[in-house]
Amino acid sequence: MPLYLTRFSYTPDTWARMIGKPEDRREAARTYIESVDGELHGFWYAFGEHDGYTLWEAPDNVSMAAVALAIGAGGAMSSFETTVLMTVGDTLDALRKAEQVRYRPPGA
Protein backbone atom coordinates (compact mmCIF):
# COMPACT_ATOMS: atom_id res chain seq x y z
CA MET A 1 0.00 0.00 0.00
CA PRO A 2 1.19 3.54 -0.68
CA LEU A 3 2.64 5.66 2.12
CA TYR A 4 1.63 9.28 2.74
CA LEU A 5 3.34 11.99 4.75
CA THR A 6 1.13 14.75 6.10
CA ARG A 7 2.20 18.07 7.53
CA PHE A 8 -0.38 19.88 9.59
CA SER A 9 -0.89 22.95 11.74
CA TYR A 10 -3.65 23.58 14.24
CA THR A 11 -5.63 26.80 14.47
CA PRO A 12 -5.04 28.99 17.55
CA ASP A 13 -8.51 27.97 18.81
CA THR A 14 -7.57 24.29 18.56
CA TRP A 15 -4.37 24.87 20.56
CA ALA A 16 -6.38 26.78 23.19
CA ARG A 17 -8.84 23.87 23.51
CA MET A 18 -5.97 21.36 23.80
CA ILE A 19 -4.25 23.48 26.47
CA GLY A 20 -7.51 23.48 28.44
CA LYS A 21 -8.00 19.75 27.88
CA PRO A 22 -4.81 17.97 26.73
CA GLU A 23 -5.53 15.06 24.41
CA ASP A 24 -3.38 12.44 22.66
CA ARG A 25 -4.59 12.71 19.05
CA ARG A 26 -2.83 9.56 17.84
CA GLU A 27 -5.82 7.35 18.56
CA ALA A 28 -8.15 9.69 16.66
CA ALA A 29 -5.75 9.69 13.69
CA ARG A 30 -5.55 5.90 13.81
CA THR A 31 -9.34 5.65 13.75
CA TYR A 32 -9.57 7.93 10.70
CA ILE A 33 -7.12 5.96 8.57
CA GLU A 34 -8.43 2.58 9.70
CA SER A 35 -11.89 3.62 8.51
CA VAL A 36 -10.51 3.36 4.94
CA ASP A 37 -8.54 0.14 5.67
CA GLY A 38 -5.26 1.99 6.17
CA GLU A 39 -2.71 2.19 8.97
CA LEU A 40 -1.08 4.96 10.99
CA HIS A 41 2.69 4.44 11.17
CA GLY A 42 3.62 7.54 13.15
CA PHE A 43 2.43 10.84 14.63
CA TRP A 44 4.83 13.57 15.72
CA TYR A 45 4.60 17.17 16.92
CA ALA A 46 7.33 19.59 15.87
CA PHE A 47 8.67 23.11 16.10
CA GLY A 48 8.84 25.10 12.89
CA GLU A 49 6.69 25.64 9.85
CA HIS A 50 4.24 22.85 10.76
CA ASP A 51 2.86 21.78 14.12
CA GLY A 52 3.00 18.09 13.35
CA TYR A 53 3.60 15.25 10.95
CA THR A 54 1.94 11.90 10.36
CA LEU A 55 2.95 8.86 8.33
CA TRP A 56 0.01 6.89 6.99
CA GLU A 57 -0.49 3.88 4.77
CA ALA A 58 -3.68 3.74 2.69
CA PRO A 59 -4.98 1.42 -0.03
CA ASP A 60 -4.95 4.18 -2.66
CA ASN A 61 -4.97 7.93 -3.30
CA VAL A 62 -8.77 8.15 -3.15
CA SER A 63 -8.85 6.60 0.33
CA MET A 64 -6.14 8.96 1.62
CA ALA A 65 -7.87 11.91 -0.01
CA ALA A 66 -11.09 10.97 1.80
CA VAL A 67 -9.28 11.06 5.15
CA ALA A 68 -7.56 14.36 4.31
CA LEU A 69 -10.83 15.94 3.18
CA ALA A 70 -12.66 14.81 6.32
CA ILE A 71 -9.91 16.15 8.58
CA GLY A 72 -9.67 19.41 6.64
CA ALA A 73 -13.43 19.93 6.76
CA GLY A 74 -13.38 19.59 10.56
CA GLY A 75 -12.04 23.12 11.02
CA ALA A 76 -9.34 22.29 13.61
CA MET A 77 -6.45 22.71 11.19
CA SER A 78 -5.04 25.86 9.67
CA SER A 79 -3.15 23.70 7.15
CA PHE A 80 -3.09 20.04 6.14
CA GLU A 81 -0.76 18.95 3.32
CA THR A 82 -0.31 15.41 2.04
CA THR A 83 2.64 14.03 0.07
CA VAL A 84 2.56 10.65 -1.64
CA LEU A 85 5.79 8.81 -0.82
CA MET A 86 7.32 6.57 -3.47
CA THR A 87 9.51 3.54 -2.84
CA VAL A 88 13.00 3.45 -4.30
CA GLY A 89 11.79 0.70 -6.64
CA ASP A 90 8.90 2.84 -7.91
CA THR A 91 11.29 5.74 -8.44
CA LEU A 92 13.68 3.53 -10.41
CA ASP A 93 10.75 2.35 -12.56
CA ALA A 94 9.75 5.98 -13.15
CA LEU A 95 13.32 6.88 -14.13
CA ARG A 96 13.35 4.07 -16.67
CA LYS A 97 9.98 5.18 -18.11
CA ALA A 98 11.17 8.78 -18.25
CA GLU A 99 13.35 7.81 -21.22
CA GLN A 100 10.16 7.10 -23.18
CA VAL A 101 8.80 10.59 -22.55
CA ARG A 102 9.93 12.91 -25.31
CA TYR A 103 9.84 16.15 -23.34
CA ARG A 104 10.46 19.38 -25.24
CA PRO A 105 11.28 22.49 -23.18
CA PRO A 106 9.21 25.61 -23.89
CA GLY A 107 10.55 27.51 -26.87
CA ALA A 108 12.81 24.66 -28.02
PDB file of N, CA and C in Angstrom:
ATOM      1  N   MET A   1       0.841  -1.184   0.000  1.00  0.00           N
ATOM      2  CA  MET A   1       0.000   0.000   0.000  1.00  0.00           C
ATOM      3  C   MET A   1       0.885   1.244   0.000  1.00  0.00           C
ATOM      4  N   PRO A   2       0.419   2.294  -0.659  1.00  0.00           N
ATOM      5  CA  PRO A   2       1.191   3.544  -0.679  1.00  0.00           C
ATOM      6  C   PRO A   2       1.301   4.182   0.704  1.00  0.00           C
ATOM      7  N   LEU A   3       2.410   4.899   0.899  1.00  0.00           N
ATOM      8  CA  LEU A   3       2.644   5.663   2.124  1.00  0.00           C
ATOM      9  C   LEU A   3       2.405   7.146   1.843  1.00  0.00           C
ATOM     10  N   TYR A   4       1.937   7.859   2.854  1.00  0.00           N
ATOM     11  CA  TYR A   4       1.629   9.285   2.744  1.00  0.00           C
ATOM     12  C   TYR A   4       2.181  10.015   3.955  1.00  0.00           C
ATOM     13  N   LEU A   5       2.849  11.113   3.696  1.00  0.00           N
ATOM     14  CA  LEU A   5       3.339  11.989   4.746  1.00  0.00           C
ATOM     15  C   LEU A   5       2.437  13.208   4.797  1.00  0.00           C
ATOM     16  N   THR A   6       1.906  13.513   5.974  1.00  0.00           N
ATOM     17  CA  THR A   6       1.127  14.749   6.101  1.00  0.00           C
ATOM     18  C   THR A   6       1.843  15.705   7.041  1.00  0.00           C
ATOM     19  N   ARG A   7       1.708  16.973   6.702  1.00  0.00           N
ATOM     20  CA  ARG A   7       2.196  18.069   7.531  1.00  0.00           C
ATOM     21  C   ARG A   7       0.956  18.876   7.903  1.00  0.00           C
ATOM     22  N   PHE A   8       0.821  19.164   9.187  1.00  0.00           N
ATOM     23  CA  PHE A   8      -0.381  19.884   9.593  1.00  0.00           C
ATOM     24  C   PHE A   8      -0.049  20.955  10.618  1.00  0.00           C
ATOM     25  N   SER A   9      -0.948  21.917  10.700  1.00  0.00           N
ATOM     26  CA  SER A   9      -0.894  22.947  11.743  1.00  0.00           C
ATOM     27  C   SER A   9      -2.299  23.152  12.280  1.00  0.00           C
ATOM     28  N   TYR A  10      -2.381  23.311  13.586  1.00  0.00           N
ATOM     29  CA  TYR A  10      -3.655  23.579  14.236  1.00  0.00           C
ATOM     30  C   TYR A  10      -3.967  25.068  14.198  1.00  0.00           C
ATOM     31  N   THR A  11      -5.240  25.401  14.317  1.00  0.00           N
ATOM     32  CA  THR A  11      -5.629  26.798  14.472  1.00  0.00           C
ATOM     33  C   THR A  11      -5.322  27.225  15.908  1.00  0.00           C
ATOM     34  N   PRO A  12      -5.232  28.537  16.171  1.00  0.00           N
ATOM     35  CA  PRO A  12      -5.040  28.988  17.553  1.00  0.00           C
ATOM     36  C   PRO A  12      -6.159  28.498  18.483  1.00  0.00           C
ATOM     37  N   ASP A  13      -7.392  28.455  17.986  1.00  0.00           N
ATOM     38  CA  ASP A  13      -8.505  27.967  18.810  1.00  0.00           C
ATOM     39  C   ASP A  13      -8.313  26.496  19.195  1.00  0.00           C
ATOM     40  N   THR A  14      -7.814  25.706  18.264  1.00  0.00           N
ATOM     41  CA  THR A  14      -7.568  24.289  18.557  1.00  0.00           C
ATOM     42  C   THR A  14      -6.510  24.146  19.638  1.00  0.00           C
ATOM     43  N   TRP A  15      -5.410  24.916  19.525  1.00  0.00           N
ATOM     44  CA  TRP A  15      -4.371  24.867  20.561  1.00  0.00           C
ATOM     45  C   TRP A  15      -4.949  25.285  21.913  1.00  0.00           C
ATOM     46  N   ALA A  16      -5.783  26.316  21.929  1.00  0.00           N
ATOM     47  CA  ALA A  16      -6.379  26.776  23.190  1.00  0.00           C
ATOM     48  C   ALA A  16      -7.235  25.670  23.813  1.00  0.00           C
ATOM     49  N   ARG A  17      -8.020  24.964  22.987  1.00  0.00           N
ATOM     50  CA  ARG A  17      -8.841  23.865  23.511  1.00  0.00           C
ATOM     51  C   ARG A  17      -7.957  22.731  24.046  1.00  0.00           C
ATOM     52  N   MET A  18      -6.857  22.444  23.353  1.00  0.00           N
ATOM     53  CA  MET A  18      -5.972  21.364  23.803  1.00  0.00           C
ATOM     54  C   MET A  18      -5.195  21.746  25.057  1.00  0.00           C
ATOM     55  N   ILE A  19      -4.887  23.034  25.224  1.00  0.00           N
ATOM     56  CA  ILE A  19      -4.254  23.482  26.470  1.00  0.00           C
ATOM     57  C   ILE A  19      -5.229  23.295  27.632  1.00  0.00           C
ATOM     58  N   GLY A  20      -6.485  23.640  27.411  1.00  0.00           N
ATOM     59  CA  GLY A  20      -7.508  23.482  28.442  1.00  0.00           C
ATOM     60  C   GLY A  20      -7.847  22.033  28.734  1.00  0.00           C
ATOM     61  N   LYS A  21      -7.691  21.179  27.722  1.00  0.00           N
ATOM     62  CA  LYS A  21      -8.004  19.754  27.876  1.00  0.00           C
ATOM     63  C   LYS A  21      -7.026  18.958  27.006  1.00  0.00           C
ATOM     64  N   PRO A  22      -5.803  18.700  27.509  1.00  0.00           N
ATOM     65  CA  PRO A  22      -4.812  17.969  26.725  1.00  0.00           C
ATOM     66  C   PRO A  22      -5.351  16.613  26.258  1.00  0.00           C
ATOM     67  N   GLU A  23      -5.012  16.286  25.010  1.00  0.00           N
ATOM     68  CA  GLU A  23      -5.529  15.056  24.407  1.00  0.00           C
ATOM     69  C   GLU A  23      -4.479  14.469  23.475  1.00  0.00           C
ATOM     70  N   ASP A  24      -4.271  13.164  23.573  1.00  0.00           N
ATOM     71  CA  ASP A  24      -3.382  12.441  22.662  1.00  0.00           C
ATOM     72  C   ASP A  24      -4.175  12.164  21.388  1.00  0.00           C
ATOM     73  N   ARG A  25      -3.817  12.815  20.290  1.00  0.00           N
ATOM     74  CA  ARG A  25      -4.589  12.715  19.046  1.00  0.00           C
ATOM     75  C   ARG A  25      -4.197  11.510  18.186  1.00  0.00           C
ATOM     76  N   ARG A  26      -3.235  10.718  18.636  1.00  0.00           N
ATOM     77  CA  ARG A  26      -2.833   9.560  17.836  1.00  0.00           C
ATOM     78  C   ARG A  26      -3.968   8.574  17.637  1.00  0.00           C
ATOM     79  N   GLU A  27      -4.737   8.333  18.685  1.00  0.00           N
ATOM     80  CA  GLU A  27      -5.819   7.354  18.559  1.00  0.00           C
ATOM     81  C   GLU A  27      -6.891   7.841  17.589  1.00  0.00           C
ATOM     82  N   ALA A  28      -7.189   9.134  17.624  1.00  0.00           N
ATOM     83  CA  ALA A  28      -8.146   9.689  16.658  1.00  0.00           C
ATOM     84  C   ALA A  28      -7.620   9.512  15.241  1.00  0.00           C
ATOM     85  N   ALA A  29      -6.346   9.839  15.028  1.00  0.00           N
ATOM     86  CA  ALA A  29      -5.749   9.692  13.690  1.00  0.00           C
ATOM     87  C   ALA A  29      -5.801   8.233  13.235  1.00  0.00           C
ATOM     88  N   ARG A  30      -5.508   7.331  14.135  1.00  0.00           N
ATOM     89  CA  ARG A  30      -5.548   5.905  13.811  1.00  0.00           C
ATOM     90  C   ARG A  30      -6.951   5.498  13.371  1.00  0.00           C
ATOM     91  N   THR A  31      -7.953   5.971  14.082  1.00  0.00           N
ATOM     92  CA  THR A  31      -9.341   5.652  13.745  1.00  0.00           C
ATOM     93  C   THR A  31      -9.698   6.150  12.349  1.00  0.00           C
ATOM     94  N   TYR A  32      -9.257   7.360  12.012  1.00  0.00           N
ATOM     95  CA  TYR A  32      -9.573   7.928  10.698  1.00  0.00           C
ATOM     96  C   TYR A  32      -9.013   7.073   9.577  1.00  0.00           C
ATOM     97  N   ILE A  33      -7.739   6.700   9.664  1.00  0.00           N
ATOM     98  CA  ILE A  33      -7.117   5.956   8.567  1.00  0.00           C
ATOM     99  C   ILE A  33      -7.619   4.515   8.524  1.00  0.00           C
ATOM    100  N   GLU A  34      -7.898   3.946   9.690  1.00  0.00           N
ATOM    101  CA  GLU A  34      -8.431   2.579   9.700  1.00  0.00           C
ATOM    102  C   GLU A  34      -9.829   2.507   9.102  1.00  0.00           C
ATOM    103  N   SER A  35     -10.551   3.612   9.100  1.00  0.00           N
ATOM    104  CA  SER A  35     -11.893   3.623   8.505  1.00  0.00           C
ATOM    105  C   SER A  35     -11.849   3.421   6.993  1.00  0.00           C
ATOM    106  N   VAL A  36     -10.669   3.604   6.382  1.00  0.00           N
ATOM    107  CA  VAL A  36     -10.510   3.359   4.943  1.00  0.00           C
ATOM    108  C   VAL A  36      -9.544   2.185   4.717  1.00  0.00           C
ATOM    109  N   ASP A  37      -9.411   1.326   5.729  1.00  0.00           N
ATOM    110  CA  ASP A  37      -8.542   0.140   5.666  1.00  0.00           C
ATOM    111  C   ASP A  37      -7.063   0.486   5.530  1.00  0.00           C
ATOM    112  N   GLY A  38      -6.662   1.594   6.167  1.00  0.00           N
ATOM    113  CA  GLY A  38      -5.256   1.989   6.174  1.00  0.00           C
ATOM    114  C   GLY A  38      -4.655   1.802   7.548  1.00  0.00           C
ATOM    115  N   GLU A  39      -3.435   2.341   7.706  1.00  0.00           N
ATOM    116  CA  GLU A  39      -2.713   2.189   8.971  1.00  0.00           C
ATOM    117  C   GLU A  39      -1.917   3.454   9.271  1.00  0.00           C
ATOM    118  N   LEU A  40      -1.906   3.844  10.530  1.00  0.00           N
ATOM    119  CA  LEU A  40      -1.084   4.962  10.994  1.00  0.00           C
ATOM    120  C   LEU A  40       0.257   4.400  11.426  1.00  0.00           C
ATOM    121  N   HIS A  41       1.348   4.908  10.826  1.00  0.00           N
ATOM    122  CA  HIS A  41       2.692   4.441  11.174  1.00  0.00           C
ATOM    123  C   HIS A  41       3.414   5.372  12.136  1.00  0.00           C
ATOM    124  N   GLY A  42       2.962   6.616  12.238  1.00  0.00           N
ATOM    125  CA  GLY A  42       3.622   7.535  13.154  1.00  0.00           C
ATOM    126  C   GLY A  42       2.900   8.866  13.229  1.00  0.00           C
ATOM    127  N   PHE A  43       3.070   9.533  14.369  1.00  0.00           N
ATOM    128  CA  PHE A  43       2.429  10.836  14.632  1.00  0.00           C
ATOM    129  C   PHE A  43       3.400  11.612  15.504  1.00  0.00           C
ATOM    130  N   TRP A  44       3.849  12.775  15.008  1.00  0.00           N
ATOM    131  CA  TRP A  44       4.826  13.573  15.725  1.00  0.00           C
ATOM    132  C   TRP A  44       4.416  15.032  15.753  1.00  0.00           C
ATOM    133  N   TYR A  45       4.711  15.708  16.856  1.00  0.00           N
ATOM    134  CA  TYR A  45       4.602  17.170  16.920  1.00  0.00           C
ATOM    135  C   TYR A  45       5.988  17.746  16.688  1.00  0.00           C
ATOM    136  N   ALA A  46       6.035  19.007  16.241  1.00  0.00           N
ATOM    137  CA  ALA A  46       7.327  19.591  15.869  1.00  0.00           C
ATOM    138  C   ALA A  46       7.312  21.098  16.087  1.00  0.00           C
ATOM    139  N   PHE A  47       8.497  21.662  16.144  1.00  0.00           N
ATOM    140  CA  PHE A  47       8.673  23.109  16.098  1.00  0.00           C
ATOM    141  C   PHE A  47       8.900  23.469  14.636  1.00  0.00           C
ATOM    142  N   GLY A  48       8.519  24.671  14.245  1.00  0.00           N
ATOM    143  CA  GLY A  48       8.837  25.100  12.890  1.00  0.00           C
ATOM    144  C   GLY A  48       7.607  25.444  12.079  1.00  0.00           C
ATOM    145  N   GLU A  49       7.731  25.231  10.785  1.00  0.00           N
ATOM    146  CA  GLU A  49       6.695  25.640   9.847  1.00  0.00           C
ATOM    147  C   GLU A  49       5.369  24.913  10.084  1.00  0.00           C
ATOM    148  N   HIS A  50       5.443  23.656  10.520  1.00  0.00           N
ATOM    149  CA  HIS A  50       4.239  22.854  10.762  1.00  0.00           C
ATOM    150  C   HIS A  50       4.214  22.408  12.218  1.00  0.00           C
ATOM    151  N   ASP A  51       3.005  22.226  12.738  1.00  0.00           N
ATOM    152  CA  ASP A  51       2.856  21.777  14.119  1.00  0.00           C
ATOM    153  C   ASP A  51       3.091  20.281  14.278  1.00  0.00           C
ATOM    154  N   GLY A  52       2.844  19.529  13.226  1.00  0.00           N
ATOM    155  CA  GLY A  52       2.998  18.090  13.346  1.00  0.00           C
ATOM    156  C   GLY A  52       3.080  17.385  12.017  1.00  0.00           C
ATOM    157  N   TYR A  53       3.420  16.103  12.119  1.00  0.00           N
ATOM    158  CA  TYR A  53       3.604  15.246  10.948  1.00  0.00           C
ATOM    159  C   TYR A  53       2.996  13.879  11.248  1.00  0.00           C
ATOM    160  N   THR A  54       2.430  13.265  10.229  1.00  0.00           N
ATOM    161  CA  THR A  54       1.945  11.899  10.365  1.00  0.00           C
ATOM    162  C   THR A  54       2.439  11.085   9.178  1.00  0.00           C
ATOM    163  N   LEU A  55       2.612   9.794   9.396  1.00  0.00           N
ATOM    164  CA  LEU A  55       2.952   8.863   8.333  1.00  0.00           C
ATOM    165  C   LEU A  55       1.843   7.824   8.290  1.00  0.00           C
ATOM    166  N   TRP A  56       1.167   7.762   7.161  1.00  0.00           N
ATOM    167  CA  TRP A  56       0.011   6.887   6.991  1.00  0.00           C
ATOM    168  C   TRP A  56       0.278   5.909   5.854  1.00  0.00           C
ATOM    169  N   GLU A  57      -0.440   4.805   5.887  1.00  0.00           N
ATOM    170  CA  GLU A  57      -0.492   3.880   4.769  1.00  0.00           C
ATOM    171  C   GLU A  57      -1.962   3.735   4.414  1.00  0.00           C
ATOM    172  N   ALA A  58      -2.289   3.843   3.129  1.00  0.00           N
ATOM    173  CA  ALA A  58      -3.684   3.737   2.687  1.00  0.00           C
ATOM    174  C   ALA A  58      -3.735   2.894   1.424  1.00  0.00           C
ATOM    175  N   PRO A  59      -4.881   2.284   1.145  1.00  0.00           N
ATOM    176  CA  PRO A  59      -4.982   1.421  -0.031  1.00  0.00           C
ATOM    177  C   PRO A  59      -4.732   2.152  -1.354  1.00  0.00           C
ATOM    178  N   ASP A  60      -5.081   3.439  -1.408  1.00  0.00           N
ATOM    179  CA  ASP A  60      -4.954   4.177  -2.662  1.00  0.00           C
ATOM    180  C   ASP A  60      -5.121   5.666  -2.394  1.00  0.00           C
ATOM    181  N   ASN A  61      -4.881   6.472  -3.430  1.00  0.00           N
ATOM    182  CA  ASN A  61      -4.969   7.926  -3.296  1.00  0.00           C
ATOM    183  C   ASN A  61      -6.366   8.394  -2.926  1.00  0.00           C
ATOM    184  N   VAL A  62      -7.391   7.745  -3.452  1.00  0.00           N
ATOM    185  CA  VAL A  62      -8.771   8.152  -3.153  1.00  0.00           C
ATOM    186  C   VAL A  62      -9.064   7.964  -1.670  1.00  0.00           C
ATOM    187  N   SER A  63      -8.622   6.850  -1.097  1.00  0.00           N
ATOM    188  CA  SER A  63      -8.848   6.597   0.330  1.00  0.00           C
ATOM    189  C   SER A  63      -8.141   7.637   1.188  1.00  0.00           C
ATOM    190  N   MET A  64      -6.882   7.947   0.853  1.00  0.00           N
ATOM    191  CA  MET A  64      -6.143   8.956   1.620  1.00  0.00           C
ATOM    192  C   MET A  64      -6.767  10.321   1.441  1.00  0.00           C
ATOM    193  N   ALA A  65      -7.209  10.629   0.230  1.00  0.00           N
ATOM    194  CA  ALA A  65      -7.869  11.913  -0.009  1.00  0.00           C
ATOM    195  C   ALA A  65      -9.134  12.030   0.832  1.00  0.00           C
ATOM    196  N   ALA A  66      -9.877  10.947   0.984  1.00  0.00           N
ATOM    197  CA  ALA A  66     -11.092  10.971   1.799  1.00  0.00           C
ATOM    198  C   ALA A  66     -10.766  11.333   3.242  1.00  0.00           C
ATOM    199  N   VAL A  67      -9.704  10.743   3.785  1.00  0.00           N
ATOM    200  CA  VAL A  67      -9.280  11.063   5.155  1.00  0.00           C
ATOM    201  C   VAL A  67      -8.857  12.524   5.244  1.00  0.00           C
ATOM    202  N   ALA A  68      -8.041  12.968   4.301  1.00  0.00           N
ATOM    203  CA  ALA A  68      -7.559  14.356   4.310  1.00  0.00           C
ATOM    204  C   ALA A  68      -8.721  15.342   4.193  1.00  0.00           C
ATOM    205  N   LEU A  69      -9.669  15.048   3.337  1.00  0.00           N
ATOM    206  CA  LEU A  69     -10.832  15.937   3.185  1.00  0.00           C
ATOM    207  C   LEU A  69     -11.658  15.995   4.465  1.00  0.00           C
ATOM    208  N   ALA A  70     -11.877  14.845   5.077  1.00  0.00           N
ATOM    209  CA  ALA A  70     -12.663  14.815   6.319  1.00  0.00           C
ATOM    210  C   ALA A  70     -11.961  15.602   7.421  1.00  0.00           C
ATOM    211  N   ILE A  71     -10.654  15.421   7.555  1.00  0.00           N
ATOM    212  CA  ILE A  71      -9.913  16.152   8.580  1.00  0.00           C
ATOM    213  C   ILE A  71      -9.932  17.650   8.275  1.00  0.00           C
ATOM    214  N   GLY A  72      -9.672  18.005   7.030  1.00  0.00           N
ATOM    215  CA  GLY A  72      -9.669  19.411   6.640  1.00  0.00           C
ATOM    216  C   GLY A  72     -11.010  20.087   6.846  1.00  0.00           C
ATOM    217  N   ALA A  73     -12.084  19.357   6.615  1.00  0.00           N
ATOM    218  CA  ALA A  73     -13.428  19.925   6.765  1.00  0.00           C
ATOM    219  C   ALA A  73     -13.809  20.114   8.230  1.00  0.00           C
ATOM    220  N   GLY A  74     -13.057  19.497   9.142  1.00  0.00           N
ATOM    221  CA  GLY A  74     -13.382  19.586  10.562  1.00  0.00           C
ATOM    222  C   GLY A  74     -13.111  20.939  11.186  1.00  0.00           C
ATOM    223  N   GLY A  75     -12.276  21.765  10.538  1.00  0.00           N
ATOM    224  CA  GLY A  75     -12.035  23.123  11.019  1.00  0.00           C
ATOM    225  C   GLY A  75     -10.975  23.282  12.095  1.00  0.00           C
ATOM    226  N   ALA A  76     -10.348  22.193  12.552  1.00  0.00           N
ATOM    227  CA  ALA A  76      -9.344  22.293  13.614  1.00  0.00           C
ATOM    228  C   ALA A  76      -7.957  22.637  13.088  1.00  0.00           C
ATOM    229  N   MET A  77      -7.775  22.502  11.787  1.00  0.00           N
ATOM    230  CA  MET A  77      -6.455  22.708  11.190  1.00  0.00           C
ATOM    231  C   MET A  77      -6.397  24.034  10.433  1.00  0.00           C
ATOM    232  N   SER A  78      -5.250  24.685  10.520  1.00  0.00           N
ATOM    233  CA  SER A  78      -5.038  25.857   9.670  1.00  0.00           C
ATOM    234  C   SER A  78      -4.351  25.440   8.375  1.00  0.00           C
ATOM    235  N   SER A  79      -3.702  24.262   8.382  1.00  0.00           N
ATOM    236  CA  SER A  79      -3.151  23.697   7.152  1.00  0.00           C
ATOM    237  C   SER A  79      -3.059  22.187   7.306  1.00  0.00           C
ATOM    238  N   PHE A  80      -3.193  21.501   6.177  1.00  0.00           N
ATOM    239  CA  PHE A  80      -3.090  20.039   6.142  1.00  0.00           C
ATOM    240  C   PHE A  80      -2.617  19.676   4.746  1.00  0.00           C
ATOM    241  N   GLU A  81      -1.360  19.261   4.620  1.00  0.00           N
ATOM    242  CA  GLU A  81      -0.758  18.952   3.324  1.00  0.00           C
ATOM    243  C   GLU A  81      -0.362  17.486   3.296  1.00  0.00           C
ATOM    244  N   THR A  82      -0.638  16.826   2.180  1.00  0.00           N
ATOM    245  CA  THR A  82      -0.315  15.410   2.040  1.00  0.00           C
ATOM    246  C   THR A  82       0.648  15.203   0.878  1.00  0.00           C
ATOM    247  N   THR A  83       1.672  14.397   1.106  1.00  0.00           N
ATOM    248  CA  THR A  83       2.635  14.035   0.072  1.00  0.00           C
ATOM    249  C   THR A  83       2.617  12.526  -0.100  1.00  0.00           C
ATOM    250  N   VAL A  84       2.466  12.076  -1.340  1.00  0.00           N
ATOM    251  CA  VAL A  84       2.560  10.650  -1.635  1.00  0.00           C
ATOM    252  C   VAL A  84       4.038  10.280  -1.640  1.00  0.00           C
ATOM    253  N   LEU A  85       4.407   9.269  -0.866  1.00  0.00           N
ATOM    254  CA  LEU A  85       5.793   8.814  -0.817  1.00  0.00           C
ATOM    255  C   LEU A  85       5.964   7.625  -1.755  1.00  0.00           C
ATOM    256  N   MET A  86       7.035   7.643  -2.515  1.00  0.00           N
ATOM    257  CA  MET A  86       7.319   6.571  -3.469  1.00  0.00           C
ATOM    258  C   MET A  86       8.479   5.720  -2.963  1.00  0.00           C
ATOM    259  N   THR A  87       8.398   4.428  -3.195  1.00  0.00           N
ATOM    260  CA  THR A  87       9.508   3.545  -2.844  1.00  0.00           C
ATOM    261  C   THR A  87      10.673   3.809  -3.802  1.00  0.00           C
ATOM    262  N   VAL A  88      11.845   3.342  -3.421  1.00  0.00           N
ATOM    263  CA  VAL A  88      13.004   3.454  -4.305  1.00  0.00           C
ATOM    264  C   VAL A  88      12.735   2.669  -5.591  1.00  0.00           C
ATOM    265  N   GLY A  89      12.120   1.506  -5.461  1.00  0.00           N
ATOM    266  CA  GLY A  89      11.794   0.697  -6.637  1.00  0.00           C
ATOM    267  C   GLY A  89      10.866   1.422  -7.602  1.00  0.00           C
ATOM    268  N   ASP A  90       9.817   2.063  -7.059  1.00  0.00           N
ATOM    269  CA  ASP A  90       8.900   2.836  -7.911  1.00  0.00           C
ATOM    270  C   ASP A  90       9.626   3.985  -8.589  1.00  0.00           C
ATOM    271  N   THR A  91      10.536   4.615  -7.866  1.00  0.00           N
ATOM    272  CA  THR A  91      11.289   5.736  -8.444  1.00  0.00           C
ATOM    273  C   THR A  91      12.196   5.238  -9.560  1.00  0.00           C
ATOM    274  N   LEU A  92      12.840   4.095  -9.361  1.00  0.00           N
ATOM    275  CA  LEU A  92      13.683   3.533 -10.413  1.00  0.00           C
ATOM    276  C   LEU A  92      12.848   3.195 -11.652  1.00  0.00           C
ATOM    277  N   ASP A  93      11.646   2.636 -11.436  1.00  0.00           N
ATOM    278  CA  ASP A  93      10.748   2.352 -12.564  1.00  0.00           C
ATOM    279  C   ASP A  93      10.378   3.637 -13.293  1.00  0.00           C
ATOM    280  N   ALA A  94      10.099   4.692 -12.538  1.00  0.00           N
ATOM    281  CA  ALA A  94       9.747   5.981 -13.146  1.00  0.00           C
ATOM    282  C   ALA A  94      10.924   6.546 -13.936  1.00  0.00           C
ATOM    283  N   LEU A  95      12.126   6.401 -13.406  1.00  0.00           N
ATOM    284  CA  LEU A  95      13.318   6.877 -14.126  1.00  0.00           C
ATOM    285  C   LEU A  95      13.482   6.136 -15.451  1.00  0.00           C
ATOM    286  N   ARG A  96      13.245   4.849 -15.433  1.00  0.00           N
ATOM    287  CA  ARG A  96      13.345   4.070 -16.673  1.00  0.00           C
ATOM    288  C   ARG A  96      12.280   4.496 -17.683  1.00  0.00           C
ATOM    289  N   LYS A  97      11.069   4.736 -17.216  1.00  0.00           N
ATOM    290  CA  LYS A  97       9.984   5.177 -18.105  1.00  0.00           C
ATOM    291  C   LYS A  97      10.206   6.591 -18.618  1.00  0.00           C
ATOM    292  N   ALA A  98      10.932   7.393 -17.849  1.00  0.00           N
ATOM    293  CA  ALA A  98      11.169   8.783 -18.252  1.00  0.00           C
ATOM    294  C   ALA A  98      11.883   8.856 -19.593  1.00  0.00           C
ATOM    295  N   GLU A  99      12.672   7.833 -19.917  1.00  0.00           N
ATOM    296  CA  GLU A  99      13.347   7.814 -21.217  1.00  0.00           C
ATOM    297  C   GLU A  99      12.354   7.769 -22.373  1.00  0.00           C
ATOM    298  N   GLN A 100      11.164   7.204 -22.137  1.00  0.00           N
ATOM    299  CA  GLN A 100      10.156   7.100 -23.180  1.00  0.00           C
ATOM    300  C   GLN A 100       9.402   8.410 -23.404  1.00  0.00           C
ATOM    301  N   VAL A 101       9.493   9.311 -22.459  1.00  0.00           N
ATOM    302  CA  VAL A 101       8.797  10.593 -22.551  1.00  0.00           C
ATOM    303  C   VAL A 101       9.675  11.523 -23.369  1.00  0.00           C
ATOM    304  N   ARG A 102       9.164  12.012 -24.429  1.00  0.00           N
ATOM    305  CA  ARG A 102       9.933  12.906 -25.308  1.00  0.00           C
ATOM    306  C   ARG A 102       9.592  14.348 -24.962  1.00  0.00           C
ATOM    307  N   TYR A 103      10.103  14.795 -23.815  1.00  0.00           N
ATOM    308  CA  TYR A 103       9.841  16.154 -23.337  1.00  0.00           C
ATOM    309  C   TYR A 103      10.564  17.164 -24.210  1.00  0.00           C
ATOM    310  N   ARG A 104       9.871  18.275 -24.505  1.00  0.00           N
ATOM    311  CA  ARG A 104      10.456  19.376 -25.235  1.00  0.00           C
ATOM    312  C   ARG A 104      10.281  20.628 -24.393  1.00  0.00           C
ATOM    313  N   PRO A 105      11.399  21.278 -23.985  1.00  0.00           N
ATOM    314  CA  PRO A 105      11.284  22.490 -23.176  1.00  0.00           C
ATOM    315  C   PRO A 105      10.546  23.599 -23.943  1.00  0.00           C
ATOM    316  N   PRO A 106       9.882  24.493 -23.233  1.00  0.00           N
ATOM    317  CA  PRO A 106       9.209  25.609 -23.892  1.00  0.00           C
ATOM    318  C   PRO A 106      10.178  26.389 -24.778  1.00  0.00           C
ATOM    319  N   GLY A 107       9.742  26.710 -25.956  1.00  0.00           N
ATOM    320  CA  GLY A 107      10.545  27.509 -26.872  1.00  0.00           C
ATOM    321  C   GLY A 107      11.630  26.744 -27.601  1.00  0.00           C
ATOM    322  N   ALA A 108      11.751  25.444 -27.352  1.00  0.00           N
ATOM    323  CA  ALA A 108      12.814  24.660 -28.017  1.00  0.00           C
ATOM    324  C   ALA A 108      12.348  24.150 -29.356  1.00  0.00           C
TER     325      ALA A 108
END
